[in-house]
Amino acid sequence: SGCGFAVAVCGGRIPDERRDQILAEHGPAR
């Protein structure tokens, strides 16, 4: 919001930190 920089990065492997965040926010599936 400061300078208007924007980017979309598609594909790739989920970083461990973000995977942990998904599990914390959404809970695990079994």
mmCIF file of all heavy atoms, coordinates in Angstrom:
data_MODEL
# 
_entry.id   MODEL 
# 
loop_
_atom_site.group_PDB 
_atom_site.id 
_atom_site.type_symbol 
_atom_site.label_atom_id 
_atom_site.label_alt_id 
_atom_site.label_comp_id 
_atom_site.label_asym_id 
_atom_site.label_entity_id 
_atom_site.label_seq_id 
_atom_site.pdbx_PDB_ins_code 
_atom_site.Cartn_x 
_atom_site.Cartn_y 
_atom_site.Cartn_z 
_atom_site.occupancy 
_atom_site.B_iso_or_equiv 
_atom_site.pdbx_formal_charge 
_atom_site.auth_seq_id 
_atom_site.auth_comp_id 
_atom_site.auth_asym_id 
_atom_site.auth_atom_id 
_atom_site.pdbx_PDB_model_num 
ATOM 1   N N   . SER A 1 1  ? 0.830  -1.210  0.000   1.00 0.00 ? 1  SER A N   1 
ATOM 2   C CA  . SER A 1 1  ? 0.000  0.000   0.000   1.00 0.00 ? 1  SER A CA  1 
ATOM 3   C C   . SER A 1 1  ? 0.866  1.263   0.000   1.00 0.00 ? 1  SER A C   1 
ATOM 4   O O   . SER A 1 1  ? 0.399  2.338   -0.332  1.00 0.00 ? 1  SER A O   1 
ATOM 5   C CB  . SER A 1 1  ? -0.944 0.004   1.201   1.00 0.00 ? 1  SER A CB  1 
ATOM 6   O OG  . SER A 1 1  ? -0.196 -0.019  2.399   1.00 0.00 ? 1  SER A OG  1 
ATOM 7   N N   . GLY A 1 2  ? 2.148  1.118   0.319   1.00 0.00 ? 2  GLY A N   1 
ATOM 8   C CA  . GLY A 1 2  ? 3.048  2.275   0.357   1.00 0.00 ? 2  GLY A CA  1 
ATOM 9   C C   . GLY A 1 2  ? 3.474  2.748   -1.014  1.00 0.00 ? 2  GLY A C   1 
ATOM 10  O O   . GLY A 1 2  ? 3.360  3.934   -1.340  1.00 0.00 ? 2  GLY A O   1 
ATOM 11  N N   . CYS A 1 3  ? 3.946  1.829   -1.858  1.00 0.00 ? 3  CYS A N   1 
ATOM 12  C CA  . CYS A 1 3  ? 4.494  2.241   -3.154  1.00 0.00 ? 3  CYS A CA  1 
ATOM 13  C C   . CYS A 1 3  ? 3.739  1.664   -4.345  1.00 0.00 ? 3  CYS A C   1 
ATOM 14  O O   . CYS A 1 3  ? 4.033  2.011   -5.483  1.00 0.00 ? 3  CYS A O   1 
ATOM 15  C CB  . CYS A 1 3  ? 5.968  1.869   -3.249  1.00 0.00 ? 3  CYS A CB  1 
ATOM 16  S SG  . CYS A 1 3  ? 6.286  0.091   -3.370  1.00 0.00 ? 3  CYS A SG  1 
ATOM 17  N N   . GLY A 1 4  ? 2.803  0.755   -4.082  1.00 0.00 ? 4  GLY A N   1 
ATOM 18  C CA  . GLY A 1 4  ? 2.028  0.169   -5.169  1.00 0.00 ? 4  GLY A CA  1 
ATOM 19  C C   . GLY A 1 4  ? 2.651  -1.072  -5.788  1.00 0.00 ? 4  GLY A C   1 
ATOM 20  O O   . GLY A 1 4  ? 2.089  -1.648  -6.718  1.00 0.00 ? 4  GLY A O   1 
ATOM 21  N N   . PHE A 1 5  ? 3.799  -1.502  -5.283  1.00 0.00 ? 5  PHE A N   1 
ATOM 22  C CA  . PHE A 1 5  ? 4.417  -2.734  -5.778  1.00 0.00 ? 5  PHE A CA  1 
ATOM 23  C C   . PHE A 1 5  ? 3.413  -3.877  -5.654  1.00 0.00 ? 5  PHE A C   1 
ATOM 24  O O   . PHE A 1 5  ? 2.720  -4.009  -4.656  1.00 0.00 ? 5  PHE A O   1 
ATOM 25  C CB  . PHE A 1 5  ? 5.681  -3.045  -4.961  1.00 0.00 ? 5  PHE A CB  1 
ATOM 26  C CG  . PHE A 1 5  ? 6.283  -4.394  -5.259  1.00 0.00 ? 5  PHE A CG  1 
ATOM 27  C CD1 . PHE A 1 5  ? 7.142  -4.559  -6.331  1.00 0.00 ? 5  PHE A CD1 1 
ATOM 28  C CD2 . PHE A 1 5  ? 5.979  -5.494  -4.465  1.00 0.00 ? 5  PHE A CD2 1 
ATOM 29  C CE1 . PHE A 1 5  ? 7.706  -5.797  -6.604  1.00 0.00 ? 5  PHE A CE1 1 
ATOM 30  C CE2 . PHE A 1 5  ? 6.540  -6.739  -4.730  1.00 0.00 ? 5  PHE A CE2 1 
ATOM 31  C CZ  . PHE A 1 5  ? 7.400  -6.898  -5.811  1.00 0.00 ? 5  PHE A CZ  1 
ATOM 32  N N   . ALA A 1 6  ? 3.332  -4.712  -6.689  1.00 0.00 ? 6  ALA A N   1 
ATOM 33  C CA  . ALA A 1 6  ? 2.453  -5.883  -6.654  1.00 0.00 ? 6  ALA A CA  1 
ATOM 34  C C   . ALA A 1 6  ? 3.093  -7.005  -7.460  1.00 0.00 ? 6  ALA A C   1 
ATOM 35  O O   . ALA A 1 6  ? 3.760  -6.754  -8.476  1.00 0.00 ? 6  ALA A O   1 
ATOM 36  C CB  . ALA A 1 6  ? 1.083  -5.546  -7.220  1.00 0.00 ? 6  ALA A CB  1 
ATOM 37  N N   . VAL A 1 7  ? 2.908  -8.218  -6.993  1.00 0.00 ? 7  VAL A N   1 
ATOM 38  C CA  . VAL A 1 7  ? 3.466  -9.377  -7.691  1.00 0.00 ? 7  VAL A CA  1 
ATOM 39  C C   . VAL A 1 7  ? 2.606  -10.602 -7.389  1.00 0.00 ? 7  VAL A C   1 
ATOM 40  O O   . VAL A 1 7  ? 2.007  -10.712 -6.316  1.00 0.00 ? 7  VAL A O   1 
ATOM 41  C CB  . VAL A 1 7  ? 4.943  -9.623  -7.290  1.00 0.00 ? 7  VAL A CB  1 
ATOM 42  C CG1 . VAL A 1 7  ? 5.064  -10.031 -5.830  1.00 0.00 ? 7  VAL A CG1 1 
ATOM 43  C CG2 . VAL A 1 7  ? 5.600  -10.648 -8.196  1.00 0.00 ? 7  VAL A CG2 1 
ATOM 44  N N   . ALA A 1 8  ? 2.545  -11.499 -8.361  1.00 0.00 ? 8  ALA A N   1 
ATOM 45  C CA  . ALA A 1 8  ? 1.908  -12.807 -8.171  1.00 0.00 ? 8  ALA A CA  1 
ATOM 46  C C   . ALA A 1 8  ? 2.936  -13.858 -8.552  1.00 0.00 ? 8  ALA A C   1 
ATOM 47  O O   . ALA A 1 8  ? 3.550  -13.780 -9.618  1.00 0.00 ? 8  ALA A O   1 
ATOM 48  C CB  . ALA A 1 8  ? 0.661  -12.932 -9.038  1.00 0.00 ? 8  ALA A CB  1 
ATOM 49  N N   . VAL A 1 9  ? 3.150  -14.799 -7.666  1.00 0.00 ? 9  VAL A N   1 
ATOM 50  C CA  . VAL A 1 9  ? 4.084  -15.892 -7.910  1.00 0.00 ? 9  VAL A CA  1 
ATOM 51  C C   . VAL A 1 9  ? 3.271  -17.175 -7.869  1.00 0.00 ? 9  VAL A C   1 
ATOM 52  O O   . VAL A 1 9  ? 2.632  -17.482 -6.858  1.00 0.00 ? 9  VAL A O   1 
ATOM 53  C CB  . VAL A 1 9  ? 5.212  -15.925 -6.846  1.00 0.00 ? 9  VAL A CB  1 
ATOM 54  C CG1 . VAL A 1 9  ? 6.162  -17.072 -7.111  1.00 0.00 ? 9  VAL A CG1 1 
ATOM 55  C CG2 . VAL A 1 9  ? 5.955  -14.601 -6.817  1.00 0.00 ? 9  VAL A CG2 1 
ATOM 56  N N   . CYS A 1 10 ? 3.285  -17.900 -8.979  1.00 0.00 ? 10 CYS A N   1 
ATOM 57  C CA  . CYS A 1 10 ? 2.445  -19.097 -9.086  1.00 0.00 ? 10 CYS A CA  1 
ATOM 58  C C   . CYS A 1 10 ? 3.289  -20.351 -9.194  1.00 0.00 ? 10 CYS A C   1 
ATOM 59  O O   . CYS A 1 10 ? 4.336  -20.358 -9.826  1.00 0.00 ? 10 CYS A O   1 
ATOM 60  C CB  . CYS A 1 10 ? 1.539  -18.981 -10.309 1.00 0.00 ? 10 CYS A CB  1 
ATOM 61  S SG  . CYS A 1 10 ? 0.469  -17.544 -10.261 1.00 0.00 ? 10 CYS A SG  1 
ATOM 62  N N   . GLY A 1 11 ? 2.769  -21.402 -8.584  1.00 0.00 ? 11 GLY A N   1 
ATOM 63  C CA  . GLY A 1 11 ? 3.457  -22.684 -8.619  1.00 0.00 ? 11 GLY A CA  1 
ATOM 64  C C   . GLY A 1 11 ? 4.478  -22.770 -7.505  1.00 0.00 ? 11 GLY A C   1 
ATOM 65  O O   . GLY A 1 11 ? 4.664  -21.851 -6.716  1.00 0.00 ? 11 GLY A O   1 
ATOM 66  N N   . GLY A 1 12 ? 5.115  -23.892 -7.421  1.00 0.00 ? 12 GLY A N   1 
ATOM 67  C CA  . GLY A 1 12 ? 6.141  -24.067 -6.410  1.00 0.00 ? 12 GLY A CA  1 
ATOM 68  C C   . GLY A 1 12 ? 5.650  -24.853 -5.204  1.00 0.00 ? 12 GLY A C   1 
ATOM 69  O O   . GLY A 1 12 ? 4.502  -25.275 -5.122  1.00 0.00 ? 12 GLY A O   1 
ATOM 70  N N   . ARG A 1 13 ? 6.555  -25.034 -4.281  1.00 0.00 ? 13 ARG A N   1 
ATOM 71  C CA  . ARG A 1 13 ? 6.303  -25.798 -3.062  1.00 0.00 ? 13 ARG A CA  1 
ATOM 72  C C   . ARG A 1 13 ? 5.955  -24.839 -1.932  1.00 0.00 ? 13 ARG A C   1 
ATOM 73  O O   . ARG A 1 13 ? 6.564  -23.779 -1.805  1.00 0.00 ? 13 ARG A O   1 
ATOM 74  C CB  . ARG A 1 13 ? 7.571  -26.585 -2.724  1.00 0.00 ? 13 ARG A CB  1 
ATOM 75  C CG  . ARG A 1 13 ? 7.425  -27.528 -1.564  1.00 0.00 ? 13 ARG A CG  1 
ATOM 76  C CD  . ARG A 1 13 ? 8.758  -28.262 -1.305  1.00 0.00 ? 13 ARG A CD  1 
ATOM 77  N NE  . ARG A 1 13 ? 8.685  -29.056 -0.115  1.00 0.00 ? 13 ARG A NE  1 
ATOM 78  C CZ  . ARG A 1 13 ? 8.794  -28.596 1.120   1.00 0.00 ? 13 ARG A CZ  1 
ATOM 79  N NH1 . ARG A 1 13 ? 8.990  -27.309 1.326   1.00 0.00 ? 13 ARG A NH1 1 
ATOM 80  N NH2 . ARG A 1 13 ? 8.717  -29.398 2.155   1.00 0.00 ? 13 ARG A NH2 1 
ATOM 81  N N   . ILE A 1 14 ? 5.017  -25.239 -1.101  1.00 0.00 ? 14 ILE A N   1 
ATOM 82  C CA  . ILE A 1 14 ? 4.603  -24.406 0.027   1.00 0.00 ? 14 ILE A CA  1 
ATOM 83  C C   . ILE A 1 14 ? 5.735  -24.346 1.064   1.00 0.00 ? 14 ILE A C   1 
ATOM 84  O O   . ILE A 1 14 ? 6.302  -25.368 1.437   1.00 0.00 ? 14 ILE A O   1 
ATOM 85  C CB  . ILE A 1 14 ? 3.297  -24.938 0.659   1.00 0.00 ? 14 ILE A CB  1 
ATOM 86  C CG1 . ILE A 1 14 ? 2.783  -23.980 1.730   1.00 0.00 ? 14 ILE A CG1 1 
ATOM 87  C CG2 . ILE A 1 14 ? 3.474  -26.345 1.205   1.00 0.00 ? 14 ILE A CG2 1 
ATOM 88  C CD1 . ILE A 1 14 ? 1.395  -24.329 2.253   1.00 0.00 ? 14 ILE A CD1 1 
ATOM 89  N N   . PRO A 1 15 ? 6.095  -23.150 1.516   1.00 0.00 ? 15 PRO A N   1 
ATOM 90  C CA  . PRO A 1 15 ? 7.100  -23.040 2.582   1.00 0.00 ? 15 PRO A CA  1 
ATOM 91  C C   . PRO A 1 15 ? 6.565  -23.655 3.885   1.00 0.00 ? 15 PRO A C   1 
ATOM 92  O O   . PRO A 1 15 ? 5.365  -23.569 4.177   1.00 0.00 ? 15 PRO A O   1 
ATOM 93  C CB  . PRO A 1 15 ? 7.287  -21.525 2.740   1.00 0.00 ? 15 PRO A CB  1 
ATOM 94  C CG  . PRO A 1 15 ? 6.749  -20.919 1.489   1.00 0.00 ? 15 PRO A CG  1 
ATOM 95  C CD  . PRO A 1 15 ? 5.671  -21.843 1.015   1.00 0.00 ? 15 PRO A CD  1 
ATOM 96  N N   . ASP A 1 16 ? 7.439  -24.266 4.656   1.00 0.00 ? 16 ASP A N   1 
ATOM 97  C CA  . ASP A 1 16 ? 7.040  -24.917 5.911   1.00 0.00 ? 16 ASP A CA  1 
ATOM 98  C C   . ASP A 1 16 ? 6.278  -23.971 6.829   1.00 0.00 ? 16 ASP A C   1 
ATOM 99  O O   . ASP A 1 16 ? 5.291  -24.352 7.455   1.00 0.00 ? 16 ASP A O   1 
ATOM 100 C CB  . ASP A 1 16 ? 8.257  -25.482 6.647   1.00 0.00 ? 16 ASP A CB  1 
ATOM 101 C CG  . ASP A 1 16 ? 8.874  -26.671 5.926   1.00 0.00 ? 16 ASP A CG  1 
ATOM 102 O OD1 . ASP A 1 16 ? 8.188  -27.303 5.085   1.00 0.00 ? 16 ASP A OD1 1 
ATOM 103 O OD2 . ASP A 1 16 ? 10.054 -26.969 6.200   1.00 0.00 ? 16 ASP A OD2 1 
ATOM 104 N N   . GLU A 1 17 ? 6.731  -22.717 6.911   1.00 0.00 ? 17 GLU A N   1 
ATOM 105 C CA  . GLU A 1 17 ? 6.085  -21.738 7.788   1.00 0.00 ? 17 GLU A CA  1 
ATOM 106 C C   . GLU A 1 17 ? 4.630  -21.492 7.368   1.00 0.00 ? 17 GLU A C   1 
ATOM 107 O O   . GLU A 1 17 ? 3.734  -21.383 8.199   1.00 0.00 ? 17 GLU A O   1 
ATOM 108 C CB  . GLU A 1 17 ? 6.874  -20.428 7.749   1.00 0.00 ? 17 GLU A CB  1 
ATOM 109 C CG  . GLU A 1 17 ? 6.292  -19.338 8.610   1.00 0.00 ? 17 GLU A CG  1 
ATOM 110 C CD  . GLU A 1 17 ? 7.092  -18.038 8.520   1.00 0.00 ? 17 GLU A CD  1 
ATOM 111 O OE1 . GLU A 1 17 ? 8.067  -17.960 7.737   1.00 0.00 ? 17 GLU A OE1 1 
ATOM 112 O OE2 . GLU A 1 17 ? 6.726  -17.108 9.242   1.00 0.00 ? 17 GLU A OE2 1 
ATOM 113 N N   . ARG A 1 18 ? 4.381  -21.416 6.069   1.00 0.00 ? 18 ARG A N   1 
ATOM 114 C CA  . ARG A 1 18 ? 3.011  -21.188 5.581   1.00 0.00 ? 18 ARG A CA  1 
ATOM 115 C C   . ARG A 1 18 ? 2.157  -22.441 5.726   1.00 0.00 ? 18 ARG A C   1 
ATOM 116 O O   . ARG A 1 18 ? 0.968  -22.363 6.013   1.00 0.00 ? 18 ARG A O   1 
ATOM 117 C CB  . ARG A 1 18 ? 3.020  -20.715 4.128   1.00 0.00 ? 18 ARG A CB  1 
ATOM 118 C CG  . ARG A 1 18 ? 3.716  -19.404 3.942   1.00 0.00 ? 18 ARG A CG  1 
ATOM 119 C CD  . ARG A 1 18 ? 3.057  -18.280 4.752   1.00 0.00 ? 18 ARG A CD  1 
ATOM 120 N NE  . ARG A 1 18 ? 4.043  -17.240 4.991   1.00 0.00 ? 18 ARG A NE  1 
ATOM 121 C CZ  . ARG A 1 18 ? 4.223  -16.662 6.156   1.00 0.00 ? 18 ARG A CZ  1 
ATOM 122 N NH1 . ARG A 1 18 ? 3.486  -16.954 7.198   1.00 0.00 ? 18 ARG A NH1 1 
ATOM 123 N NH2 . ARG A 1 18 ? 5.154  -15.745 6.308   1.00 0.00 ? 18 ARG A NH2 1 
ATOM 124 N N   . ARG A 1 19 ? 2.758  -23.617 5.545   1.00 0.00 ? 19 ARG A N   1 
ATOM 125 C CA  . ARG A 1 19 ? 2.028  -24.868 5.772   1.00 0.00 ? 19 ARG A CA  1 
ATOM 126 C C   . ARG A 1 19 ? 1.582  -24.946 7.230   1.00 0.00 ? 19 ARG A C   1 
ATOM 127 O O   . ARG A 1 19 ? 0.435  -25.269 7.540   1.00 0.00 ? 19 ARG A O   1 
ATOM 128 C CB  . ARG A 1 19 ? 2.901  -26.071 5.416   1.00 0.00 ? 19 ARG A CB  1 
ATOM 129 C CG  . ARG A 1 19 ? 2.184  -27.406 5.579   1.00 0.00 ? 19 ARG A CG  1 
ATOM 130 C CD  . ARG A 1 19 ? 3.098  -28.572 5.178   1.00 0.00 ? 19 ARG A CD  1 
ATOM 131 N NE  . ARG A 1 19 ? 2.366  -29.808 5.252   1.00 0.00 ? 19 ARG A NE  1 
ATOM 132 C CZ  . ARG A 1 19 ? 2.219  -30.534 6.359   1.00 0.00 ? 19 ARG A CZ  1 
ATOM 133 N NH1 . ARG A 1 19 ? 2.781  -30.134 7.493   1.00 0.00 ? 19 ARG A NH1 1 
ATOM 134 N NH2 . ARG A 1 19 ? 1.521  -31.649 6.342   1.00 0.00 ? 19 ARG A NH2 1 
ATOM 135 N N   . ASP A 1 20 ? 2.489  -24.612 8.141   1.00 0.00 ? 20 ASP A N   1 
ATOM 136 C CA  . ASP A 1 20 ? 2.155  -24.590 9.566   1.00 0.00 ? 20 ASP A CA  1 
ATOM 137 C C   . ASP A 1 20 ? 1.038  -23.590 9.847   1.00 0.00 ? 20 ASP A C   1 
ATOM 138 O O   . ASP A 1 20 ? 0.149  -23.848 10.665  1.00 0.00 ? 20 ASP A O   1 
ATOM 139 C CB  . ASP A 1 20 ? 3.382  -24.258 10.414  1.00 0.00 ? 20 ASP A CB  1 
ATOM 140 C CG  . ASP A 1 20 ? 4.439  -25.354 10.401  1.00 0.00 ? 20 ASP A CG  1 
ATOM 141 O OD1 . ASP A 1 20 ? 4.133  -26.490 9.981   1.00 0.00 ? 20 ASP A OD1 1 
ATOM 142 O OD2 . ASP A 1 20 ? 5.590  -25.062 10.790  1.00 0.00 ? 20 ASP A OD2 1 
ATOM 143 N N   . GLN A 1 21 ? 1.072  -22.448 9.155   1.00 0.00 ? 21 GLN A N   1 
ATOM 144 C CA  . GLN A 1 21 ? 0.041  -21.430 9.340   1.00 0.00 ? 21 GLN A CA  1 
ATOM 145 C C   . GLN A 1 21 ? -1.317 -21.950 8.849   1.00 0.00 ? 21 GLN A C   1 
ATOM 146 O O   . GLN A 1 21 ? -2.344 -21.754 9.508   1.00 0.00 ? 21 GLN A O   1 
ATOM 147 C CB  . GLN A 1 21 ? 0.424  -20.148 8.600   1.00 0.00 ? 21 GLN A CB  1 
ATOM 148 C CG  . GLN A 1 21 ? -0.544 -19.007 8.835   1.00 0.00 ? 21 GLN A CG  1 
ATOM 149 C CD  . GLN A 1 21 ? -0.154 -17.745 8.070   1.00 0.00 ? 21 GLN A CD  1 
ATOM 150 O OE1 . GLN A 1 21 ? 0.865  -17.688 7.376   1.00 0.00 ? 21 GLN A OE1 1 
ATOM 151 N NE2 . GLN A 1 21 ? -0.987 -16.725 8.190   1.00 0.00 ? 21 GLN A NE2 1 
ATOM 152 N N   . ILE A 1 22 ? -1.343 -22.619 7.704   1.00 0.00 ? 22 ILE A N   1 
ATOM 153 C CA  . ILE A 1 22 ? -2.597 -23.205 7.200   1.00 0.00 ? 22 ILE A CA  1 
ATOM 154 C C   . ILE A 1 22 ? -3.136 -24.208 8.199   1.00 0.00 ? 22 ILE A C   1 
ATOM 155 O O   . ILE A 1 22 ? -4.334 -24.211 8.520   1.00 0.00 ? 22 ILE A O   1 
ATOM 156 C CB  . ILE A 1 22 ? -2.395 -23.850 5.814   1.00 0.00 ? 22 ILE A CB  1 
ATOM 157 C CG1 . ILE A 1 22 ? -2.267 -22.766 4.740   1.00 0.00 ? 22 ILE A CG1 1 
ATOM 158 C CG2 . ILE A 1 22 ? -3.560 -24.788 5.474   1.00 0.00 ? 22 ILE A CG2 1 
ATOM 159 C CD1 . ILE A 1 22 ? -1.972 -23.290 3.349   1.00 0.00 ? 22 ILE A CD1 1 
ATOM 160 N N   . LEU A 1 23 ? -2.269 -25.072 8.711   1.00 0.00 ? 23 LEU A N   1 
ATOM 161 C CA  . LEU A 1 23 ? -2.710 -26.080 9.687   1.00 0.00 ? 23 LEU A CA  1 
ATOM 162 C C   . LEU A 1 23 ? -3.249 -25.417 10.953  1.00 0.00 ? 23 LEU A C   1 
ATOM 163 O O   . LEU A 1 23 ? -4.254 -25.854 11.511  1.00 0.00 ? 23 LEU A O   1 
ATOM 164 C CB  . LEU A 1 23 ? -1.573 -27.044 10.018  1.00 0.00 ? 23 LEU A CB  1 
ATOM 165 C CG  . LEU A 1 23 ? -1.193 -27.998 8.897   1.00 0.00 ? 23 LEU A CG  1 
ATOM 166 C CD1 . LEU A 1 23 ? 0.103  -28.729 9.228   1.00 0.00 ? 23 LEU A CD1 1 
ATOM 167 C CD2 . LEU A 1 23 ? -2.317 -28.983 8.614   1.00 0.00 ? 23 LEU A CD2 1 
ATOM 168 N N   . ALA A 1 24 ? -2.593 -24.341 11.404  1.00 0.00 ? 24 ALA A N   1 
ATOM 169 C CA  . ALA A 1 24 ? -3.040 -23.643 12.613  1.00 0.00 ? 24 ALA A CA  1 
ATOM 170 C C   . ALA A 1 24 ? -4.381 -22.942 12.391  1.00 0.00 ? 24 ALA A C   1 
ATOM 171 O O   . ALA A 1 24 ? -5.252 -22.967 13.264  1.00 0.00 ? 24 ALA A O   1 
ATOM 172 C CB  . ALA A 1 24 ? -1.981 -22.637 13.070  1.00 0.00 ? 24 ALA A CB  1 
ATOM 173 N N   . GLU A 1 25 ? -4.555 -22.325 11.230  1.00 0.00 ? 25 GLU A N   1 
ATOM 174 C CA  . GLU A 1 25 ? -5.773 -21.562 10.977  1.00 0.00 ? 25 GLU A CA  1 
ATOM 175 C C   . GLU A 1 25 ? -6.958 -22.428 10.543  1.00 0.00 ? 25 GLU A C   1 
ATOM 176 O O   . GLU A 1 25 ? -8.091 -22.134 10.878  1.00 0.00 ? 25 GLU A O   1 
ATOM 177 C CB  . GLU A 1 25 ? -5.512 -20.480 9.919   1.00 0.00 ? 25 GLU A CB  1 
ATOM 178 C CG  . GLU A 1 25 ? -4.637 -19.362 10.433  1.00 0.00 ? 25 GLU A CG  1 
ATOM 179 C CD  . GLU A 1 25 ? -4.417 -18.253 9.426   1.00 0.00 ? 25 GLU A CD  1 
ATOM 180 O OE1 . GLU A 1 25 ? -5.196 -18.139 8.450   1.00 0.00 ? 25 GLU A OE1 1 
ATOM 181 O OE2 . GLU A 1 25 ? -3.445 -17.484 9.613   1.00 0.00 ? 25 GLU A OE2 1 
ATOM 182 N N   . HIS A 1 26 ? -6.694 -23.464 9.768   1.00 0.00 ? 26 HIS A N   1 
ATOM 183 C CA  . HIS A 1 26 ? -7.771 -24.279 9.215   1.00 0.00 ? 26 HIS A CA  1 
ATOM 184 C C   . HIS A 1 26 ? -7.909 -25.640 9.883   1.00 0.00 ? 26 HIS A C   1 
ATOM 185 O O   . HIS A 1 26 ? -8.910 -26.326 9.682   1.00 0.00 ? 26 HIS A O   1 
ATOM 186 C CB  . HIS A 1 26 ? -7.565 -24.495 7.706   1.00 0.00 ? 26 HIS A CB  1 
ATOM 187 C CG  . HIS A 1 26 ? -7.586 -23.230 6.914   1.00 0.00 ? 26 HIS A CG  1 
ATOM 188 N ND1 . HIS A 1 26 ? -8.747 -22.588 6.565   1.00 0.00 ? 26 HIS A ND1 1 
ATOM 189 C CD2 . HIS A 1 26 ? -6.569 -22.476 6.403   1.00 0.00 ? 26 HIS A CD2 1 
ATOM 190 C CE1 . HIS A 1 26 ? -8.458 -21.501 5.864   1.00 0.00 ? 26 HIS A CE1 1 
ATOM 191 N NE2 . HIS A 1 26 ? -7.142 -21.402 5.768   1.00 0.00 ? 26 HIS A NE2 1 
ATOM 192 N N   . GLY A 1 27 ? -6.896 -26.041 10.634  1.00 0.00 ? 27 GLY A N   1 
ATOM 193 C CA  . GLY A 1 27 ? -6.899 -27.361 11.247  1.00 0.00 ? 27 GLY A CA  1 
ATOM 194 C C   . GLY A 1 27 ? -6.476 -28.413 10.239  1.00 0.00 ? 27 GLY A C   1 
ATOM 195 O O   . GLY A 1 27 ? -6.551 -28.200 9.028   1.00 0.00 ? 27 GLY A O   1 
ATOM 196 N N   . PRO A 1 28 ? -6.017 -29.552 10.744  1.00 0.00 ? 28 PRO A N   1 
ATOM 197 C CA  . PRO A 1 28 ? -5.561 -30.607 9.836   1.00 0.00 ? 28 PRO A CA  1 
ATOM 198 C C   . PRO A 1 28 ? -6.734 -31.385 9.242   1.00 0.00 ? 28 PRO A C   1 
ATOM 199 O O   . PRO A 1 28 ? -7.809 -31.446 9.824   1.00 0.00 ? 28 PRO A O   1 
ATOM 200 C CB  . PRO A 1 28 ? -4.729 -31.513 10.746  1.00 0.00 ? 28 PRO A CB  1 
ATOM 201 C CG  . PRO A 1 28 ? -5.337 -31.340 12.094  1.00 0.00 ? 28 PRO A CG  1 
ATOM 202 C CD  . PRO A 1 28 ? -5.799 -29.901 12.148  1.00 0.00 ? 28 PRO A CD  1 
ATOM 203 N N   . ALA A 1 29 ? -6.482 -31.950 8.085   1.00 0.00 ? 29 ALA A N   1 
ATOM 204 C CA  . ALA A 1 29 ? -7.394 -32.929 7.500   1.00 0.00 ? 29 ALA A CA  1 
ATOM 205 C C   . ALA A 1 29 ? -6.748 -34.294 7.735   1.00 0.00 ? 29 ALA A C   1 
ATOM 206 O O   . ALA A 1 29 ? -5.523 -34.396 7.833   1.00 0.00 ? 29 ALA A O   1 
ATOM 207 C CB  . ALA A 1 29 ? -7.564 -32.679 6.005   1.00 0.00 ? 29 ALA A CB  1 
ATOM 208 N N   . ARG A 1 30 ? -7.573 -35.304 7.855   1.00 0.00 ? 30 ARG A N   1 
ATOM 209 C CA  . ARG A 1 30 ? -7.064 -36.669 8.049   1.00 0.00 ? 30 ARG A CA  1 
ATOM 210 C C   . ARG A 1 30 ? -7.547 -37.542 6.906   1.00 0.00 ? 30 ARG A C   1 
ATOM 211 O O   . ARG A 1 30 ? -8.566 -37.272 6.292   1.00 0.00 ? 30 ARG A O   1 
ATOM 212 C CB  . ARG A 1 30 ? -7.545 -37.227 9.375   1.00 0.00 ? 30 ARG A CB  1 
ATOM 213 C CG  . ARG A 1 30 ? -7.036 -36.421 10.533  1.00 0.00 ? 30 ARG A CG  1 
ATOM 214 C CD  . ARG A 1 30 ? -6.991 -37.182 11.836  1.00 0.00 ? 30 ARG A CD  1 
ATOM 215 N NE  . ARG A 1 30 ? -6.676 -36.293 12.925  1.00 0.00 ? 30 ARG A NE  1 
ATOM 216 C CZ  . ARG A 1 30 ? -5.454 -35.870 13.232  1.00 0.00 ? 30 ARG A CZ  1 
ATOM 217 N NH1 . ARG A 1 30 ? -4.444 -36.266 12.531  1.00 0.00 ? 30 ARG A NH1 1 
ATOM 218 N NH2 . ARG A 1 30 ? -5.257 -35.049 14.233  1.00 0.00 ? 30 ARG A NH2 1 
# 
